[in-house]
Amino acid sequence: MKIVAILGPKDSYKTRVAELLISKLSSAGLRVAGVKHLHHASIDKAGKDTWRMAEAGARLVVAAGEGEVAMIKRVASFKLEEALKMIEGSADVVIVEGFKGEAGLMEGAVKVLTARSVKELEELLGFVRPPVAAVTGPVAKQLRSWRGAPVVDLDENPLELVGLVARCANLHLSSL
């Protein structure tokens, strides 16, 4: 299972990159999973039935609706590695948005850095271990490469980013 980590500050196009990669890699025939780090938000909503079940003491609540299932488990902390174990065997590639302190340093994970400025890129350095497939986001209007990594303007050439990630992760795509 290949891991692609999208790392960057708020409003730097992380979700846009995740959507692009998930869409194109899925269309190319790969089984794709996504993992998103939520900083301060809760998945469950106070007062809703699933929340009430958890409040009553349920260790795990499964909510099932038309065409989807969600599992809600209250935990003191959660590590990216736990999410990856849950996905193991169900995906060829996992797109991870966030988890900067874990995904950025993960051995073998391909990184895509997003930023609004060169300063924001520099601030990511302590959280990133190679390989970096590409840099993107608003910063692409200012640069063409950064520390040996290509910079891709999503407005001009989104498929270039997909190709760079696929090559760096050694993904064999049937088409784009």
N, C-alpha and C. Protein backbone atom coordinates (compact mmCIF):
# COMPACT_ATOMS: atom_id res chain seq x y z
N MET A 1 0.85 -1.18 0.00
CA MET A 1 0.00 0.00 0.00
C MET A 1 0.90 1.24 0.00
N LYS A 2 0.68 2.10 -0.96
CA LYS A 2 1.47 3.34 -1.09
C LYS A 2 0.79 4.45 -0.29
N ILE A 3 1.60 5.30 0.31
CA ILE A 3 1.10 6.43 1.09
C ILE A 3 1.53 7.72 0.40
N VAL A 4 0.57 8.62 0.18
CA VAL A 4 0.86 9.95 -0.35
C VAL A 4 0.39 10.95 0.70
N ALA A 5 1.32 11.71 1.25
CA ALA A 5 1.01 12.67 2.30
C ALA A 5 0.96 14.08 1.72
N ILE A 6 -0.13 14.77 1.98
CA ILE A 6 -0.29 16.15 1.54
C ILE A 6 -0.12 17.02 2.78
N LEU A 7 0.92 17.84 2.76
CA LEU A 7 1.30 18.59 3.95
C LEU A 7 1.37 20.07 3.66
N GLY A 8 0.80 20.86 4.54
CA GLY A 8 0.86 22.31 4.38
C GLY A 8 -0.05 22.98 5.38
N PRO A 9 0.05 24.30 5.46
CA PRO A 9 -0.79 25.05 6.39
C PRO A 9 -2.22 25.19 5.86
N LYS A 10 -3.06 25.75 6.68
CA LYS A 10 -4.46 25.99 6.33
C LYS A 10 -4.55 26.85 5.07
N ASP A 11 -5.55 26.56 4.26
CA ASP A 11 -5.84 27.35 3.04
C ASP A 11 -4.70 27.35 2.03
N SER A 12 -3.98 26.23 1.96
CA SER A 12 -2.88 26.14 0.99
C SER A 12 -3.16 25.11 -0.10
N TYR A 13 -4.42 24.70 -0.24
CA TYR A 13 -4.90 23.78 -1.28
C TYR A 13 -4.74 22.30 -0.94
N LYS A 14 -4.55 21.94 0.33
CA LYS A 14 -4.40 20.52 0.68
C LYS A 14 -5.61 19.70 0.22
N THR A 15 -6.80 20.17 0.55
CA THR A 15 -8.00 19.40 0.18
C THR A 15 -8.19 19.37 -1.33
N ARG A 16 -7.87 20.45 -2.00
CA ARG A 16 -7.96 20.48 -3.47
C ARG A 16 -7.02 19.44 -4.08
N VAL A 17 -5.82 19.33 -3.54
CA VAL A 17 -4.86 18.32 -4.02
C VAL A 17 -5.39 16.92 -3.72
N ALA A 18 -5.92 16.72 -2.52
CA ALA A 18 -6.47 15.40 -2.16
C ALA A 18 -7.59 15.00 -3.11
N GLU A 19 -8.50 15.92 -3.40
CA GLU A 19 -9.60 15.63 -4.33
C GLU A 19 -9.07 15.26 -5.71
N LEU A 20 -8.11 16.02 -6.19
CA LEU A 20 -7.53 15.76 -7.51
C LEU A 20 -6.91 14.37 -7.56
N LEU A 21 -6.06 14.06 -6.59
CA LEU A 21 -5.37 12.77 -6.59
C LEU A 21 -6.36 11.61 -6.44
N ILE A 22 -7.30 11.74 -5.53
CA ILE A 22 -8.28 10.67 -5.33
C ILE A 22 -9.09 10.45 -6.61
N SER A 23 -9.54 11.53 -7.21
CA SER A 23 -10.34 11.42 -8.44
C SER A 23 -9.56 10.76 -9.57
N LYS A 24 -8.37 11.25 -9.85
CA LYS A 24 -7.60 10.74 -10.99
C LYS A 24 -7.06 9.33 -10.75
N LEU A 25 -6.59 9.05 -9.54
CA LEU A 25 -6.06 7.71 -9.26
C LEU A 25 -7.18 6.67 -9.24
N SER A 26 -8.34 7.04 -8.72
CA SER A 26 -9.50 6.13 -8.74
C SER A 26 -9.94 5.87 -10.18
N SER A 27 -9.99 6.93 -10.98
CA SER A 27 -10.39 6.79 -12.39
C SER A 27 -9.41 5.92 -13.17
N ALA A 28 -8.16 5.89 -12.72
CA ALA A 28 -7.13 5.08 -13.39
C ALA A 28 -7.17 3.62 -12.94
N GLY A 29 -8.12 3.28 -12.08
CA GLY A 29 -8.29 1.89 -11.69
C GLY A 29 -7.69 1.50 -10.36
N LEU A 30 -7.12 2.45 -9.63
CA LEU A 30 -6.55 2.13 -8.32
C LEU A 30 -7.61 2.21 -7.23
N ARG A 31 -7.45 1.39 -6.19
CA ARG A 31 -8.31 1.46 -5.01
C ARG A 31 -7.68 2.51 -4.09
N VAL A 32 -8.40 3.60 -3.88
CA VAL A 32 -7.85 4.75 -3.15
C VAL A 32 -8.62 4.96 -1.86
N ALA A 33 -7.90 5.21 -0.78
CA ALA A 33 -8.50 5.56 0.51
C ALA A 33 -7.99 6.95 0.90
N GLY A 34 -8.74 7.62 1.73
CA GLY A 34 -8.33 8.93 2.21
C GLY A 34 -8.35 8.97 3.73
N VAL A 35 -7.37 9.68 4.29
CA VAL A 35 -7.31 9.90 5.74
C VAL A 35 -7.13 11.39 5.94
N LYS A 36 -7.98 11.99 6.76
CA LYS A 36 -7.96 13.44 6.99
C LYS A 36 -7.80 13.70 8.48
N HIS A 37 -6.84 14.55 8.82
CA HIS A 37 -6.66 14.96 10.21
C HIS A 37 -7.54 16.16 10.48
N LEU A 38 -8.39 16.05 11.50
CA LEU A 38 -9.24 17.16 11.92
C LEU A 38 -8.61 17.77 13.16
N HIS A 39 -8.28 19.04 13.09
CA HIS A 39 -7.57 19.67 14.21
C HIS A 39 -8.43 19.83 15.45
N HIS A 40 -9.53 20.52 15.32
CA HIS A 40 -10.33 20.79 16.51
C HIS A 40 -11.80 20.45 16.31
N ALA A 41 -12.12 19.86 15.20
CA ALA A 41 -13.52 19.54 14.91
C ALA A 41 -13.87 18.14 15.44
N SER A 42 -15.14 17.94 15.67
CA SER A 42 -15.63 16.62 16.06
C SER A 42 -16.44 16.06 14.91
N ILE A 43 -16.30 14.79 14.67
CA ILE A 43 -17.08 14.14 13.62
C ILE A 43 -18.53 14.03 14.07
N ASP A 44 -18.72 13.68 15.33
CA ASP A 44 -20.06 13.50 15.88
C ASP A 44 -20.59 14.85 16.37
N LYS A 45 -21.88 14.99 16.41
CA LYS A 45 -22.52 16.23 16.83
C LYS A 45 -23.28 16.02 18.14
N ALA A 46 -23.03 16.91 19.09
CA ALA A 46 -23.69 16.84 20.40
C ALA A 46 -25.21 16.79 20.22
N GLY A 47 -25.84 15.87 20.95
CA GLY A 47 -27.28 15.75 20.92
C GLY A 47 -27.82 14.76 19.89
N LYS A 48 -27.02 14.43 18.88
CA LYS A 48 -27.46 13.46 17.86
C LYS A 48 -27.45 12.06 18.46
N ASP A 49 -28.17 11.13 17.83
CA ASP A 49 -28.31 9.78 18.38
C ASP A 49 -26.97 9.08 18.58
N THR A 50 -26.06 9.19 17.62
CA THR A 50 -24.75 8.53 17.76
C THR A 50 -23.98 9.12 18.94
N TRP A 51 -24.05 10.41 19.11
CA TRP A 51 -23.40 11.08 20.23
C TRP A 51 -23.99 10.60 21.55
N ARG A 52 -25.32 10.47 21.59
CA ARG A 52 -25.99 10.02 22.80
C ARG A 52 -25.59 8.60 23.16
N MET A 53 -25.43 7.74 22.14
CA MET A 53 -24.98 6.36 22.39
C MET A 53 -23.58 6.37 23.01
N ALA A 54 -22.69 7.19 22.46
CA ALA A 54 -21.33 7.27 22.99
C ALA A 54 -21.34 7.85 24.41
N GLU A 55 -22.15 8.86 24.63
CA GLU A 55 -22.26 9.46 25.97
C GLU A 55 -22.76 8.45 26.99
N ALA A 56 -23.60 7.52 26.54
CA ALA A 56 -24.15 6.50 27.44
C ALA A 56 -23.12 5.42 27.76
N GLY A 57 -21.99 5.41 27.04
CA GLY A 57 -20.94 4.46 27.35
C GLY A 57 -20.50 3.53 26.24
N ALA A 58 -21.08 3.64 25.05
CA ALA A 58 -20.66 2.77 23.94
C ALA A 58 -19.21 3.08 23.57
N ARG A 59 -18.38 2.05 23.48
CA ARG A 59 -16.97 2.23 23.10
C ARG A 59 -16.83 2.51 21.61
N LEU A 60 -17.77 1.98 20.83
CA LEU A 60 -17.76 2.16 19.38
C LEU A 60 -19.21 2.30 18.92
N VAL A 61 -19.46 3.29 18.08
CA VAL A 61 -20.79 3.50 17.51
C VAL A 61 -20.66 3.40 16.00
N VAL A 62 -21.48 2.57 15.39
CA VAL A 62 -21.50 2.44 13.93
C VAL A 62 -22.81 3.04 13.44
N ALA A 63 -22.69 4.02 12.56
CA ALA A 63 -23.87 4.65 11.97
C ALA A 63 -23.96 4.19 10.52
N ALA A 64 -25.09 3.63 10.16
CA ALA A 64 -25.28 3.14 8.79
C ALA A 64 -26.46 3.84 8.16
N GLY A 65 -26.24 4.30 6.95
CA GLY A 65 -27.30 4.96 6.19
C GLY A 65 -27.29 4.43 4.78
N GLU A 66 -28.09 5.01 3.94
CA GLU A 66 -28.19 4.59 2.55
C GLU A 66 -26.84 4.79 1.85
N GLY A 67 -26.14 3.69 1.59
CA GLY A 67 -24.90 3.75 0.83
C GLY A 67 -23.65 4.16 1.58
N GLU A 68 -23.71 4.30 2.92
CA GLU A 68 -22.50 4.65 3.66
C GLU A 68 -22.56 4.15 5.10
N VAL A 69 -21.37 3.94 5.66
CA VAL A 69 -21.22 3.49 7.04
C VAL A 69 -20.12 4.32 7.68
N ALA A 70 -20.33 4.74 8.91
CA ALA A 70 -19.31 5.47 9.66
C ALA A 70 -19.14 4.82 11.02
N MET A 71 -17.88 4.71 11.46
CA MET A 71 -17.59 4.20 12.80
C MET A 71 -17.05 5.36 13.62
N ILE A 72 -17.61 5.55 14.79
CA ILE A 72 -17.17 6.62 15.67
C ILE A 72 -16.68 5.98 16.95
N LYS A 73 -15.42 6.21 17.25
CA LYS A 73 -14.79 5.65 18.44
C LYS A 73 -14.11 6.80 19.17
N ARG A 74 -14.50 7.03 20.39
CA ARG A 74 -13.86 8.10 21.17
C ARG A 74 -12.53 7.60 21.70
N VAL A 75 -11.50 8.40 21.46
CA VAL A 75 -10.15 8.04 21.90
C VAL A 75 -9.46 9.26 22.48
N ALA A 76 -8.49 9.02 23.36
CA ALA A 76 -7.72 10.12 23.92
C ALA A 76 -6.80 10.72 22.86
N SER A 77 -6.23 9.86 22.03
CA SER A 77 -5.39 10.31 20.93
C SER A 77 -5.46 9.26 19.83
N PHE A 78 -5.08 9.65 18.63
CA PHE A 78 -5.16 8.74 17.50
C PHE A 78 -3.95 8.98 16.61
N LYS A 79 -3.30 7.92 16.23
CA LYS A 79 -2.10 8.00 15.39
C LYS A 79 -2.43 7.60 13.96
N LEU A 80 -1.73 8.19 13.03
CA LEU A 80 -1.91 7.87 11.62
C LEU A 80 -1.73 6.38 11.38
N GLU A 81 -0.76 5.79 12.03
CA GLU A 81 -0.49 4.37 11.84
C GLU A 81 -1.72 3.50 12.16
N GLU A 82 -2.53 3.92 13.13
CA GLU A 82 -3.75 3.18 13.46
C GLU A 82 -4.74 3.25 12.30
N ALA A 83 -4.86 4.41 11.67
CA ALA A 83 -5.75 4.55 10.52
C ALA A 83 -5.26 3.69 9.37
N LEU A 84 -3.96 3.67 9.15
CA LEU A 84 -3.40 2.87 8.05
C LEU A 84 -3.64 1.38 8.28
N LYS A 85 -3.57 0.93 9.52
CA LYS A 85 -3.86 -0.48 9.83
C LYS A 85 -5.32 -0.80 9.52
N MET A 86 -6.22 0.14 9.77
CA MET A 86 -7.64 -0.07 9.48
C MET A 86 -7.88 -0.21 7.98
N ILE A 87 -7.07 0.47 7.18
CA ILE A 87 -7.24 0.49 5.73
C ILE A 87 -6.52 -0.66 5.05
N GLU A 88 -5.48 -1.19 5.69
CA GLU A 88 -4.63 -2.25 5.10
C GLU A 88 -5.46 -3.30 4.37
N GLY A 89 -5.07 -3.58 3.13
CA GLY A 89 -5.75 -4.58 2.33
C GLY A 89 -6.95 -4.07 1.55
N SER A 90 -7.40 -2.85 1.87
CA SER A 90 -8.57 -2.29 1.18
C SER A 90 -8.20 -1.25 0.13
N ALA A 91 -6.93 -0.86 0.08
CA ALA A 91 -6.54 0.21 -0.84
C ALA A 91 -5.15 -0.05 -1.41
N ASP A 92 -4.96 0.42 -2.64
CA ASP A 92 -3.64 0.38 -3.27
C ASP A 92 -2.83 1.60 -2.85
N VAL A 93 -3.53 2.71 -2.65
CA VAL A 93 -2.88 3.96 -2.28
C VAL A 93 -3.77 4.71 -1.28
N VAL A 94 -3.12 5.34 -0.30
CA VAL A 94 -3.83 6.12 0.70
C VAL A 94 -3.38 7.57 0.58
N ILE A 95 -4.34 8.47 0.43
CA ILE A 95 -4.06 9.89 0.38
C ILE A 95 -4.28 10.43 1.79
N VAL A 96 -3.22 10.93 2.41
CA VAL A 96 -3.27 11.43 3.78
C VAL A 96 -3.20 12.95 3.73
N GLU A 97 -4.22 13.59 4.27
CA GLU A 97 -4.22 15.05 4.35
C GLU A 97 -3.99 15.44 5.80
N GLY A 98 -2.86 16.11 6.03
CA GLY A 98 -2.53 16.51 7.39
C GLY A 98 -1.63 15.48 8.06
N PHE A 99 -1.76 15.34 9.37
CA PHE A 99 -0.89 14.47 10.17
C PHE A 99 0.58 14.83 9.92
N LYS A 100 0.85 16.14 9.84
CA LYS A 100 2.17 16.64 9.47
C LYS A 100 3.30 15.99 10.26
N GLY A 101 3.16 15.91 11.57
CA GLY A 101 4.23 15.36 12.39
C GLY A 101 4.49 13.89 12.19
N GLU A 102 3.50 13.16 11.66
CA GLU A 102 3.66 11.73 11.42
C GLU A 102 3.90 11.43 9.94
N ALA A 103 2.99 11.90 9.09
CA ALA A 103 3.07 11.57 7.65
C ALA A 103 4.30 12.18 6.99
N GLY A 104 4.65 13.38 7.40
CA GLY A 104 5.80 14.06 6.80
C GLY A 104 7.11 13.36 7.05
N LEU A 105 7.20 12.66 8.17
CA LEU A 105 8.44 11.96 8.53
C LEU A 105 8.39 10.48 8.22
N MET A 106 7.26 10.01 7.70
CA MET A 106 7.08 8.58 7.43
C MET A 106 8.00 8.11 6.31
N GLU A 107 8.77 7.10 6.62
CA GLU A 107 9.69 6.49 5.65
C GLU A 107 8.89 5.91 4.49
N GLY A 108 9.26 6.27 3.27
CA GLY A 108 8.62 5.70 2.09
C GLY A 108 7.36 6.41 1.62
N ALA A 109 6.77 7.25 2.46
CA ALA A 109 5.59 8.00 2.02
C ALA A 109 6.03 9.09 1.06
N VAL A 110 5.27 9.26 -0.01
CA VAL A 110 5.54 10.32 -0.97
C VAL A 110 4.86 11.59 -0.46
N LYS A 111 5.58 12.69 -0.49
CA LYS A 111 5.02 13.94 0.04
C LYS A 111 4.71 14.93 -1.08
N VAL A 112 3.59 15.62 -0.91
CA VAL A 112 3.23 16.78 -1.72
C VAL A 112 3.10 17.93 -0.73
N LEU A 113 3.90 18.97 -0.92
CA LEU A 113 3.86 20.12 -0.03
C LEU A 113 3.00 21.21 -0.64
N THR A 114 2.13 21.80 0.17
CA THR A 114 1.30 22.90 -0.28
C THR A 114 1.61 24.12 0.58
N ALA A 115 1.61 25.28 -0.05
CA ALA A 115 1.92 26.50 0.70
C ALA A 115 1.41 27.72 -0.05
N ARG A 116 1.27 28.80 0.69
CA ARG A 116 0.91 30.08 0.09
C ARG A 116 2.14 30.91 -0.20
N SER A 117 3.25 30.61 0.51
CA SER A 117 4.46 31.42 0.36
C SER A 117 5.71 30.56 0.56
N VAL A 118 6.84 31.09 0.15
CA VAL A 118 8.12 30.41 0.36
C VAL A 118 8.37 30.26 1.85
N LYS A 119 8.00 31.25 2.63
CA LYS A 119 8.18 31.19 4.09
C LYS A 119 7.45 29.97 4.66
N GLU A 120 6.23 29.71 4.20
CA GLU A 120 5.48 28.54 4.69
C GLU A 120 6.17 27.24 4.29
N LEU A 121 6.74 27.20 3.10
CA LEU A 121 7.50 26.00 2.70
C LEU A 121 8.67 25.77 3.64
N GLU A 122 9.41 26.82 3.92
CA GLU A 122 10.57 26.70 4.81
C GLU A 122 10.15 26.21 6.19
N GLU A 123 8.98 26.63 6.65
CA GLU A 123 8.48 26.20 7.96
C GLU A 123 8.13 24.72 7.99
N LEU A 124 7.89 24.11 6.83
CA LEU A 124 7.57 22.68 6.76
C LEU A 124 8.81 21.79 6.85
N LEU A 125 9.98 22.35 6.63
CA LEU A 125 11.20 21.54 6.52
C LEU A 125 11.43 20.58 7.68
N GLY A 126 11.16 20.99 8.88
CA GLY A 126 11.38 20.13 10.04
C GLY A 126 10.40 18.97 10.13
N PHE A 127 9.37 18.99 9.29
CA PHE A 127 8.33 17.97 9.32
C PHE A 127 8.37 17.05 8.10
N VAL A 128 9.38 17.19 7.26
CA VAL A 128 9.37 16.46 5.99
C VAL A 128 10.66 15.69 5.77
N ARG A 129 10.48 14.43 5.43
CA ARG A 129 11.59 13.56 5.02
C ARG A 129 11.31 13.18 3.56
N PRO A 130 12.33 13.16 2.71
CA PRO A 130 12.12 12.79 1.30
C PRO A 130 11.47 11.41 1.19
N PRO A 131 10.80 11.13 0.07
CA PRO A 131 10.76 11.92 -1.17
C PRO A 131 9.63 12.95 -1.19
N VAL A 132 9.94 14.11 -1.79
CA VAL A 132 8.94 15.13 -2.07
C VAL A 132 8.67 15.07 -3.56
N ALA A 133 7.47 14.67 -3.93
CA ALA A 133 7.11 14.55 -5.35
C ALA A 133 6.94 15.91 -5.99
N ALA A 134 6.34 16.84 -5.24
CA ALA A 134 6.06 18.16 -5.82
C ALA A 134 5.64 19.14 -4.73
N VAL A 135 5.69 20.40 -5.12
CA VAL A 135 5.20 21.51 -4.31
C VAL A 135 4.08 22.17 -5.11
N THR A 136 3.02 22.58 -4.43
CA THR A 136 1.92 23.25 -5.13
C THR A 136 1.21 24.20 -4.18
N GLY A 137 0.13 24.78 -4.66
CA GLY A 137 -0.61 25.76 -3.89
C GLY A 137 -0.37 27.14 -4.45
N PRO A 138 -0.85 28.17 -3.76
CA PRO A 138 -0.65 29.53 -4.24
C PRO A 138 0.82 29.89 -4.47
N VAL A 139 1.73 29.23 -3.77
CA VAL A 139 3.16 29.50 -3.94
C VAL A 139 3.63 29.21 -5.37
N ALA A 140 2.88 28.42 -6.12
CA ALA A 140 3.26 28.08 -7.49
C ALA A 140 3.27 29.29 -8.41
N LYS A 141 2.64 30.37 -8.00
CA LYS A 141 2.68 31.61 -8.80
C LYS A 141 4.02 32.33 -8.62
N GLN A 142 4.81 31.91 -7.61
CA GLN A 142 6.07 32.58 -7.29
C GLN A 142 7.31 31.77 -7.68
N LEU A 143 7.19 30.46 -7.80
CA LEU A 143 8.35 29.57 -8.00
C LEU A 143 8.12 28.60 -9.14
N ARG A 144 9.20 28.02 -9.64
CA ARG A 144 9.11 26.91 -10.60
C ARG A 144 9.71 25.63 -10.00
N SER A 145 10.63 25.77 -9.06
CA SER A 145 11.16 24.62 -8.33
C SER A 145 11.56 25.09 -6.94
N TRP A 146 11.66 24.13 -6.02
CA TRP A 146 12.03 24.45 -4.65
C TRP A 146 12.82 23.29 -4.08
N ARG A 147 14.08 23.56 -3.74
CA ARG A 147 14.96 22.55 -3.14
C ARG A 147 14.96 21.24 -3.94
N GLY A 148 14.96 21.36 -5.26
CA GLY A 148 15.02 20.20 -6.13
C GLY A 148 13.67 19.58 -6.49
N ALA A 149 12.61 20.04 -5.85
CA ALA A 149 11.27 19.51 -6.14
C ALA A 149 10.57 20.42 -7.14
N PRO A 150 9.89 19.83 -8.12
CA PRO A 150 9.14 20.66 -9.07
C PRO A 150 7.96 21.35 -8.38
N VAL A 151 7.67 22.55 -8.83
CA VAL A 151 6.52 23.30 -8.34
C VAL A 151 5.46 23.28 -9.44
N VAL A 152 4.25 22.87 -9.09
CA VAL A 152 3.18 22.70 -10.08
C VAL A 152 2.04 23.67 -9.78
N ASP A 153 1.64 24.41 -10.79
CA ASP A 153 0.49 25.30 -10.68
C ASP A 153 -0.77 24.49 -11.00
N LEU A 154 -1.61 24.28 -10.01
CA LEU A 154 -2.82 23.47 -10.20
C LEU A 154 -3.79 24.07 -11.21
N ASP A 155 -3.78 25.38 -11.33
CA ASP A 155 -4.68 26.02 -12.29
C ASP A 155 -4.22 25.77 -13.73
N GLU A 156 -2.91 25.67 -13.92
CA GLU A 156 -2.37 25.50 -15.27
C GLU A 156 -2.24 24.04 -15.68
N ASN A 157 -1.80 23.17 -14.76
CA ASN A 157 -1.52 21.79 -15.16
C ASN A 157 -1.72 20.80 -14.02
N PRO A 158 -2.96 20.53 -13.64
CA PRO A 158 -3.20 19.59 -12.54
C PRO A 158 -2.72 18.17 -12.84
N LEU A 159 -2.79 17.75 -14.09
CA LEU A 159 -2.36 16.39 -14.42
C LEU A 159 -0.85 16.20 -14.26
N GLU A 160 -0.09 17.29 -14.34
CA GLU A 160 1.35 17.19 -14.09
C GLU A 160 1.59 16.73 -12.66
N LEU A 161 0.82 17.26 -11.72
CA LEU A 161 0.96 16.86 -10.32
C LEU A 161 0.62 15.38 -10.15
N VAL A 162 -0.45 14.94 -10.77
CA VAL A 162 -0.84 13.53 -10.68
C VAL A 162 0.27 12.64 -11.23
N GLY A 163 0.85 13.02 -12.36
CA GLY A 163 1.93 12.24 -12.96
C GLY A 163 3.17 12.19 -12.08
N LEU A 164 3.52 13.32 -11.48
CA LEU A 164 4.69 13.35 -10.59
C LEU A 164 4.49 12.44 -9.38
N VAL A 165 3.31 12.50 -8.79
CA VAL A 165 3.00 11.65 -7.64
C VAL A 165 3.03 10.18 -8.05
N ALA A 166 2.42 9.87 -9.18
CA ALA A 166 2.38 8.47 -9.64
C ALA A 166 3.78 7.93 -9.87
N ARG A 167 4.64 8.73 -10.50
CA ARG A 167 6.02 8.28 -10.74
C ARG A 167 6.79 8.12 -9.43
N CYS A 168 6.66 9.08 -8.55
CA CYS A 168 7.40 9.05 -7.28
C CYS A 168 6.95 7.88 -6.41
N ALA A 169 5.66 7.56 -6.46
CA ALA A 169 5.11 6.46 -5.66
C ALA A 169 5.17 5.12 -6.39
N ASN A 170 5.69 5.14 -7.61
CA ASN A 170 5.78 3.93 -8.43
C ASN A 170 4.40 3.29 -8.63
N LEU A 171 3.43 4.14 -8.96
CA LEU A 171 2.08 3.68 -9.24
C LEU A 171 1.96 3.45 -10.74
N HIS A 172 1.45 2.33 -11.12
CA HIS A 172 1.28 2.01 -12.54
C HIS A 172 -0.16 2.32 -12.93
N LEU A 173 -0.33 3.41 -13.67
CA LEU A 173 -1.66 3.86 -14.04
C LEU A 173 -2.03 3.37 -15.43
N SER A 174 -3.27 2.91 -15.57
CA SER A 174 -3.74 2.47 -16.88
C SER A 174 -4.05 3.67 -17.76
N SER A 175 -4.47 4.76 -17.15
CA SER A 175 -4.76 5.99 -17.90
C SER A 175 -4.87 7.15 -16.93
N LEU A 176 -4.90 8.34 -17.49
CA LEU A 176 -5.14 9.54 -16.66
C LEU A 176 -6.28 10.31 -17.22
